[in-house]
Amino acid sequence: VDRLVCHPGGAKVLEAIEATMGLAPGSLDAERDTLRAQGNMSAPTALFVLDKVLKSGQSGQLALCALGPGFTASMLPLTVAPS
């Protein structure tokens, strides 16, 4: 996977994902930017992050992931061709 695209449930969620996945600092900046600009809009937030990542020119193997109430987790693998 070239890029993990995450639903930014909150700052602590993003910190936990970075720590657990061993991601480099700044790896989830699009998620943080979206959370800061739009807040947590529930499920659509993940699509706002995906839009931001795609507009940045990211291509390759992406994994779109989201967490939900209780404990719900989902992941969608995506292949994005270079533009």
C-alpha atoms as a PDB file:
ATOM      1  CA  VAL A   1       0.000   0.000   0.000  1.00  0.00           C
ATOM      2  CA  ASP A   2       1.452   3.337  -1.080  1.00  0.00           C
ATOM      3  CA  ARG A   3      -0.909   5.493   0.981  1.00  0.00           C
ATOM      4  CA  LEU A   4      -3.300   4.829   3.817  1.00  0.00           C
ATOM      5  CA  VAL A   5      -6.319   7.166   3.555  1.00  0.00           C
ATOM      6  CA  CYS A   6      -8.093   7.328   6.910  1.00  0.00           C
ATOM      7  CA  HIS A   7     -11.313   8.708   8.294  1.00  0.00           C
ATOM      8  CA  PRO A   8     -10.013  11.249  10.830  1.00  0.00           C
ATOM      9  CA  GLY A   9     -12.241  10.420  13.781  1.00  0.00           C
ATOM     10  CA  GLY A  10     -10.166  12.771  15.898  1.00  0.00           C
ATOM     11  CA  ALA A  11      -6.594  13.718  16.734  1.00  0.00           C
ATOM     12  CA  LYS A  12      -6.173  10.752  19.104  1.00  0.00           C
ATOM     13  CA  VAL A  13      -7.464   8.343  16.458  1.00  0.00           C
ATOM     14  CA  LEU A  14      -4.907   9.652  13.953  1.00  0.00           C
ATOM     15  CA  GLU A  15      -2.110   9.431  16.525  1.00  0.00           C
ATOM     16  CA  ALA A  16      -3.072   5.819  17.298  1.00  0.00           C
ATOM     17  CA  ILE A  17      -3.143   4.881  13.594  1.00  0.00           C
ATOM     18  CA  GLU A  18       0.291   6.457  13.028  1.00  0.00           C
ATOM     19  CA  ALA A  19       1.772   4.680  16.047  1.00  0.00           C
ATOM     20  CA  THR A  20       0.192   1.300  15.292  1.00  0.00           C
ATOM     21  CA  MET A  21       1.043   1.351  11.587  1.00  0.00           C
ATOM     22  CA  GLY A  22       4.523   2.840  12.083  1.00  0.00           C
ATOM     23  CA  LEU A  23       3.759   5.744   9.739  1.00  0.00           C
ATOM     24  CA  ALA A  24       6.223   8.587   9.240  1.00  0.00           C
ATOM     25  CA  PRO A  25       5.375  12.001  10.696  1.00  0.00           C
ATOM     26  CA  GLY A  26       3.174  13.919   8.261  1.00  0.00           C
ATOM     27  CA  SER A  27       1.785  10.768   6.643  1.00  0.00           C
ATOM     28  CA  LEU A  28      -1.742  11.695   7.681  1.00  0.00           C
ATOM     29  CA  ASP A  29      -1.566  15.451   7.063  1.00  0.00           C
ATOM     30  CA  ALA A  30      -4.505  15.344   4.604  1.00  0.00           C
ATOM     31  CA  GLU A  31      -6.604  13.747   7.344  1.00  0.00           C
ATOM     32  CA  ARG A  32      -5.555  16.395   9.884  1.00  0.00           C
ATOM     33  CA  ASP A  33      -6.185  19.224   7.400  1.00  0.00           C
ATOM     34  CA  THR A  34      -9.668  17.891   6.627  1.00  0.00           C
ATOM     35  CA  LEU A  35     -10.510  17.479  10.304  1.00  0.00           C
ATOM     36  CA  ARG A  36      -9.306  21.023  11.019  1.00  0.00           C
ATOM     37  CA  ALA A  37     -11.147  22.598   8.053  1.00  0.00           C
ATOM     38  CA  GLN A  38     -14.440  20.657   8.033  1.00  0.00           C
ATOM     39  CA  GLY A  39     -14.540  18.789  11.333  1.00  0.00           C
ATOM     40  CA  ASN A  40     -15.843  15.244  11.686  1.00  0.00           C
ATOM     41  CA  MET A  41     -18.798  15.023   9.282  1.00  0.00           C
ATOM     42  CA  SER A  42     -19.367  11.344  10.050  1.00  0.00           C
ATOM     43  CA  ALA A  43     -18.993   8.907   7.121  1.00  0.00           C
ATOM     44  CA  PRO A  44     -18.507  11.539   4.356  1.00  0.00           C
ATOM     45  CA  THR A  45     -15.333  12.769   6.056  1.00  0.00           C
ATOM     46  CA  ALA A  46     -13.412   9.818   4.592  1.00  0.00           C
ATOM     47  CA  LEU A  47     -14.463  10.878   1.089  1.00  0.00           C
ATOM     48  CA  PHE A  48     -13.332  14.460   1.730  1.00  0.00           C
ATOM     49  CA  VAL A  49      -9.924  13.098   2.745  1.00  0.00           C
ATOM     50  CA  LEU A  50      -9.808  10.867  -0.347  1.00  0.00           C
ATOM     51  CA  ASP A  51     -10.625  13.870  -2.551  1.00  0.00           C
ATOM     52  CA  LYS A  52      -7.803  15.883  -0.954  1.00  0.00           C
ATOM     53  CA  VAL A  53      -5.331  13.009  -1.400  1.00  0.00           C
ATOM     54  CA  LEU A  54      -6.301  12.491  -5.059  1.00  0.00           C
ATOM     55  CA  LYS A  55      -6.064  16.233  -5.785  1.00  0.00           C
ATOM     56  CA  SER A  56      -2.522  16.152  -4.389  1.00  0.00           C
ATOM     57  CA  GLY A  57      -1.570  13.824  -7.263  1.00  0.00           C
ATOM     58  CA  GLN A  58      -1.230  10.668  -5.190  1.00  0.00           C
ATOM     59  CA  SER A  59      -1.363   7.500  -7.269  1.00  0.00           C
ATOM     60  CA  GLY A  60      -0.695   3.812  -6.714  1.00  0.00           C
ATOM     61  CA  GLN A  61      -2.200   1.441  -4.194  1.00  0.00           C
ATOM     62  CA  LEU A  62      -4.392   3.214  -1.637  1.00  0.00           C
ATOM     63  CA  ALA A  63      -6.290   1.766   1.297  1.00  0.00           C
ATOM     64  CA  LEU A  64      -9.305   3.804   2.414  1.00  0.00           C
ATOM     65  CA  CYS A  65     -10.147   2.954   6.009  1.00  0.00           C
ATOM     66  CA  ALA A  66     -12.775   4.086   8.472  1.00  0.00           C
ATOM     67  CA  LEU A  67     -13.752   3.351  12.051  1.00  0.00           C
ATOM     68  CA  GLY A  68     -17.244   3.637  13.456  1.00  0.00           C
ATOM     69  CA  PRO A  69     -19.175   3.616  16.727  1.00  0.00           C
ATOM     70  CA  GLY A  70     -18.949   0.595  18.979  1.00  0.00           C
ATOM     71  CA  PHE A  71     -16.274  -1.092  16.996  1.00  0.00           C
ATOM     72  CA  THR A  72     -16.811  -1.046  13.291  1.00  0.00           C
ATOM     73  CA  ALA A  73     -13.902  -0.991  10.896  1.00  0.00           C
ATOM     74  CA  SER A  74     -13.906  -1.098   7.135  1.00  0.00           C
ATOM     75  CA  MET A  75     -11.269  -0.879   4.440  1.00  0.00           C
ATOM     76  CA  LEU A  76     -11.482  -0.416   0.683  1.00  0.00           C
ATOM     77  CA  PRO A  77      -8.442  -1.112  -1.520  1.00  0.00           C
ATOM     78  CA  LEU A  78      -8.082   1.309  -4.447  1.00  0.00           C
ATOM     79  CA  THR A  79      -5.722   1.479  -7.395  1.00  0.00           C
ATOM     80  CA  VAL A  80      -5.220   4.999  -8.729  1.00  0.00           C
ATOM     81  CA  ALA A  81      -3.494   5.500 -12.074  1.00  0.00           C
ATOM     82  CA  PRO A  82      -1.081   8.433 -12.414  1.00  0.00           C
ATOM     83  CA  SER A  83      -2.737  11.469 -13.982  1.00  0.00           C
END
